């Protein structure tokens, strides 16, 4: 890990509990928003390629049961 990252982690550990909680909540919201953007993009690409839920289910079943 770089020294900059270690410094940030150390500073986070020194925050009062309330501030750490606020930071965790903020990071969780950011992660959720990023996940939603990526999921939307994946759905858009799948639609463009003609991949629907039935095709996904069939592929999963084929891999799971080696068909």
Protein backbone atom coordinates (compact mmCIF):
# COMPACT_ATOMS: atom_id res chain seq x y z
CA UNK A 1 0.00 0.00 0.00
CA UNK A 2 1.29 3.44 -0.79
CA UNK A 3 2.25 5.85 1.94
CA UNK A 4 -0.56 8.19 0.88
CA UNK A 5 -3.16 5.44 1.37
CA UNK A 6 -1.70 4.47 4.72
CA UNK A 7 -1.82 8.13 5.78
CA UNK A 8 -5.49 8.39 4.79
CA UNK A 9 -6.34 5.21 6.69
CA UNK A 10 -4.52 6.50 9.75
CA UNK A 11 -6.41 9.80 9.56
CA UNK A 12 -9.71 7.95 9.28
CA UNK A 13 -8.89 5.92 12.39
CA UNK A 14 -8.24 9.15 14.27
CA UNK A 15 -11.64 10.63 13.40
CA UNK A 16 -14.29 10.81 16.10
CA UNK A 17 -16.79 7.95 15.84
CA UNK A 18 -19.56 10.23 14.56
CA UNK A 19 -17.36 11.49 11.71
CA UNK A 20 -16.28 7.94 10.84
CA UNK A 21 -19.94 6.92 10.65
CA UNK A 22 -20.72 9.87 8.37
CA UNK A 23 -17.78 8.90 6.15
CA UNK A 24 -18.92 5.26 6.02
CA UNK A 25 -22.45 6.33 5.08
CA UNK A 26 -21.12 8.60 2.35
CA UNK A 27 -18.87 5.86 0.94
CA UNK A 28 -21.77 3.38 1.02
CA UNK A 29 -23.98 5.81 -0.93
CA UNK A 30 -21.20 6.36 -3.47
CA UNK A 31 -20.66 2.60 -3.87
CA UNK A 32 -24.39 2.02 -4.32
CA UNK A 33 -24.62 4.76 -6.94
CA UNK A 34 -21.64 3.32 -8.81
CA UNK A 35 -23.14 -0.18 -8.69
CA UNK A 36 -26.42 1.14 -10.09
CA UNK A 37 -24.63 2.97 -12.93
CA UNK A 38 -22.66 -0.15 -13.81
CA UNK A 39 -25.76 -2.37 -13.64
CA UNK A 40 -27.66 0.04 -15.91
CA UNK A 41 -24.78 0.01 -18.39
CA UNK A 42 -24.62 -3.80 -18.31
CA UNK A 43 -28.37 -4.00 -18.96
CA UNK A 44 -28.06 -1.55 -21.85
CA UNK A 45 -25.25 -3.59 -23.43
CA UNK A 46 -27.20 -6.82 -22.95
CA UNK A 47 -30.27 -5.29 -24.64
CA UNK A 48 -28.13 -4.13 -27.58
CA UNK A 49 -26.78 -7.67 -27.95
CA UNK A 50 -30.24 -9.21 -27.70
CA UNK A 51 -29.53 -10.93 -24.40
CA UNK A 52 -32.63 -11.27 -22.22
CA UNK A 53 -33.29 -12.90 -18.86
CA UNK A 54 -34.31 -16.17 -20.50
CA UNK A 55 -30.94 -16.39 -22.28
CA UNK A 56 -29.12 -15.63 -19.04
CA UNK A 57 -31.12 -18.28 -17.16
CA UNK A 58 -30.39 -20.83 -19.88
CA UNK A 59 -26.66 -20.08 -19.80
CA UNK A 60 -26.54 -20.34 -16.01
CA UNK A 61 -28.37 -23.65 -16.11
CA UNK A 62 -26.03 -24.96 -18.81
CA UNK A 63 -22.96 -24.09 -16.76
CA UNK A 64 -24.42 -25.21 -13.46
CA UNK A 65 -25.59 -28.58 -14.79
CA UNK A 66 -22.94 -28.92 -17.53
CA UNK A 67 -25.47 -29.22 -20.33
